[in-house]
Protein backbone atom coordinates (compact mmCIF):
# COMPACT_ATOMS: atom_id res chain seq x y z
CA MET A 1 -48.25 34.28 11.32
CA LYS A 2 -46.43 31.91 8.96
CA ILE A 3 -44.89 29.16 10.63
CA LYS A 4 -42.11 27.86 8.83
CA LYS A 5 -41.12 24.04 8.44
CA LYS A 6 -38.57 22.43 8.96
CA SER A 7 -37.86 22.05 5.07
CA ASP A 8 -37.92 25.65 4.54
CA LEU A 9 -35.10 26.28 7.02
CA SER A 10 -33.04 23.28 5.85
CA LYS A 11 -33.37 24.79 2.14
CA LYS A 12 -31.50 28.50 3.90
CA SER A 13 -28.33 28.19 2.87
CA ALA A 14 -25.14 29.98 4.30
CA THR A 15 -24.04 33.05 2.45
CA PRO A 16 -20.71 33.02 0.27
CA ALA A 17 -19.48 35.34 2.68
CA ALA A 18 -19.97 33.44 5.28
CA LYS A 19 -18.67 29.89 3.47
CA ARG A 20 -15.44 32.05 2.61
CA ALA A 21 -14.39 32.88 5.61
CA LYS A 22 -14.86 29.21 6.94
CA GLN A 23 -12.79 28.49 4.44
CA TRP A 24 -9.60 31.33 5.33
CA ILE A 25 -10.39 29.61 8.77
CA LEU A 26 -9.71 26.47 7.95
CA ILE A 27 -6.89 27.30 5.51
CA THR A 28 -5.25 29.51 8.14
CA ILE A 29 -5.51 26.95 10.87
CA LEU A 30 -4.32 24.20 8.70
CA LEU A 31 -0.93 26.71 7.83
CA LEU A 32 -0.65 27.65 11.69
CA ILE A 33 -0.69 23.25 12.47
CA THR A 34 2.15 23.09 9.95
CA ILE A 35 4.75 25.72 11.08
CA ILE A 36 3.95 24.47 14.65
CA ILE A 37 4.74 20.73 13.34
CA LEU A 38 7.63 22.23 10.58
CA PRO A 39 10.38 19.56 11.35
CA PHE A 40 7.62 16.35 10.59
CA THR A 41 6.24 18.14 8.17
CA ILE A 42 9.52 18.62 6.22
CA ILE A 43 10.52 15.03 6.87
CA LEU A 44 7.06 13.70 5.85
CA LEU A 45 6.92 15.70 2.21
CA ILE A 46 10.61 14.36 1.40
CA GLY A 47 9.99 11.28 2.75
CA LEU A 48 7.35 10.01 1.64
CA LEU A 49 7.63 11.69 -2.06
CA PRO A 50 7.30 8.14 -4.09
CA THR A 51 3.92 7.81 -1.89
CA ILE A 52 2.78 11.33 -2.54
CA THR A 53 3.39 10.29 -6.37
CA LEU A 54 1.74 6.74 -6.88
CA LEU A 55 -1.10 8.69 -5.04
CA ILE A 56 -1.44 11.98 -7.74
CA THR A 57 -0.32 9.45 -10.62
CA ASP A 58 -2.54 5.79 -9.82
CA PRO A 59 -5.18 7.01 -7.71
CA LYS A 60 -7.48 3.77 -8.72
CA ASN A 61 -4.42 0.99 -7.54
CA SER A 62 -4.84 1.00 -4.04
CA PRO A 63 -3.47 -2.11 -2.88
CA LYS A 64 -0.33 -0.87 -4.73
CA LEU A 65 -0.85 2.41 -3.01
CA VAL A 66 -0.97 0.14 0.34
CA THR A 67 2.40 -1.78 -0.31
CA ILE A 68 4.08 0.89 -1.40
CA GLY A 69 2.78 3.68 1.23
CA CYS A 70 3.46 1.11 4.35
CA PHE A 71 6.70 0.09 3.05
CA ASN A 72 7.73 3.79 2.56
CA MET A 73 5.80 4.88 6.36
CA ALA A 74 8.50 2.07 7.71
CA GLY A 75 11.13 3.39 6.10
CA VAL A 76 10.56 7.46 7.21
CA PHE A 77 9.18 6.39 10.31
CA ILE A 78 12.62 5.70 11.80
CA TYR A 79 13.47 8.98 11.02
CA LEU A 80 10.14 10.63 12.72
CA LEU A 81 11.33 9.15 15.96
CA HIS A 82 14.37 11.13 15.84
CA ILE A 83 12.40 13.89 15.33
CA ILE A 84 11.15 13.02 18.47
CA ASN A 85 13.89 13.51 20.37
CA HIS A 86 15.43 16.26 19.21
CA TYR A 87 12.78 17.84 18.01
CA SER A 88 13.96 21.20 15.61
CA VAL A 89 14.01 22.30 12.23
CA ASP A 90 17.89 22.22 11.73
CA GLY A 91 17.40 18.35 12.65
CA ALA A 92 14.92 17.36 10.14
CA PHE A 93 17.09 19.49 7.75
CA ASP A 94 19.95 17.12 8.71
CA ILE A 95 18.28 14.16 8.38
CA VAL A 96 16.64 15.29 4.58
CA ARG A 97 20.38 16.63 3.43
CA ASP A 98 22.03 13.13 4.49
CA VAL A 99 21.74 10.96 1.02
CA PHE A 100 22.05 7.89 3.30
CA ASN A 101 19.23 8.04 5.40
CA LEU A 102 16.87 9.30 2.08
CA ILE A 103 17.89 6.25 0.33
CA ILE A 104 16.61 4.50 3.42
CA MET A 105 13.43 6.44 3.17
CA LEU A 106 12.73 6.42 -0.58
CA GLY A 107 14.44 3.19 -1.13
CA SER A 108 11.86 1.33 1.62
CA ALA A 109 9.69 2.27 -1.02
CA GLY A 110 11.53 0.51 -3.66
CA ILE A 111 11.40 -2.33 -2.19
CA GLY A 112 7.93 -2.20 -1.37
CA LEU A 113 7.54 -1.67 -5.16
CA ILE A 114 10.05 -4.78 -5.87
CA LEU A 115 6.92 -6.90 -3.34
CA TYR A 116 4.19 -5.82 -5.06
CA CYS A 117 5.60 -6.89 -8.91
CA GLU A 118 7.15 -10.09 -7.69
CA LEU A 119 5.36 -12.25 -4.98
CA PRO A 120 2.32 -13.05 -7.84
CA ASN A 121 5.72 -14.54 -9.67
CA LEU A 122 6.37 -16.15 -6.34
CA PHE A 123 3.02 -17.51 -6.14
CA ILE A 124 2.89 -19.03 -9.22
CA PHE A 125 6.85 -20.93 -8.84
CA PHE A 126 5.28 -22.43 -5.27
CA ALA A 127 2.63 -23.52 -7.10
CA LYS A 128 4.23 -25.26 -9.59
CA ILE A 129 6.32 -26.78 -7.18
CA SER A 130 3.66 -27.52 -5.30
CA ALA A 131 1.89 -29.39 -8.80
CA ALA A 132 4.55 -30.83 -9.50
CA LYS A 133 4.92 -32.75 -6.34
CA ARG A 134 1.91 -33.83 -6.87
CA MET A 135 2.10 -35.13 -10.23
CA ASN A 136 4.90 -37.44 -8.42
CA VAL A 137 2.68 -38.99 -6.48
CA ILE A 138 0.23 -39.66 -8.92
CA ASP A 139 2.44 -41.36 -11.23
CA LYS A 140 3.95 -43.21 -8.08
CA LYS A 141 0.62 -44.30 -7.45
CA LEU A 142 -0.43 -45.40 -10.82
CA VAL A 143 3.11 -47.53 -10.96
CA GLU A 144 2.04 -49.23 -7.85
CA MET A 145 -1.18 -49.85 -9.73
CA ALA A 146 -0.07 -51.00 -12.98
CA GLU A 147 2.15 -53.86 -11.01
CA GLU A 148 -0.64 -54.79 -8.38
CA TRP A 149 -3.48 -55.02 -11.25
CA GLY A 150 -1.41 -55.35 -14.66
CA GLN A 151 -0.75 -52.91 -17.44
CA ASP A 152 -3.89 -54.26 -19.14
CA VAL A 153 -6.34 -53.47 -16.67
CA ILE A 154 -4.61 -49.99 -17.00
CA ASN A 155 -4.80 -49.51 -20.39
CA GLU A 156 -8.56 -50.39 -20.89
CA GLN A 157 -9.51 -48.36 -18.16
CA SER A 158 -7.54 -45.32 -19.37
CA LYS A 159 -9.28 -46.02 -23.91
CA ASN A 160 -12.72 -45.82 -21.60
CA VAL A 161 -12.39 -42.47 -20.04
CA LYS A 162 -11.23 -41.29 -23.02
């Protein structure tokens, strides 16, 4: 009698028929869940189009995806709450048919994109303002030192530094 080792048992894999059966079961479950929550699916698929598009076209840029996705989800979330209160497929189609609702859902992703693109420029702008203020303070201190010590001492020190 031969005793099977643990490694021999782990090498045994499921048959292709069993793998296909598991895939079909998973697909069936996903389809049932999609049908059960169809109003949510409709709102999410239409409302999150910018995020889905960004996920497909630029999946490696995760900061951009997170920024735009969060703003997009914030715009869609309002209508998901409406679907929770009035759960029907007709209500979901009414939300998607209204142009102003689409502007809010898709425009929130646009706001996220603008924020993602312009926030670095805003930080640069404030850094320049801060640097200019520091330069003014340094210049004032130099003028005070020139009055106290005399311009000759400052000129000599500047020659030694260079």
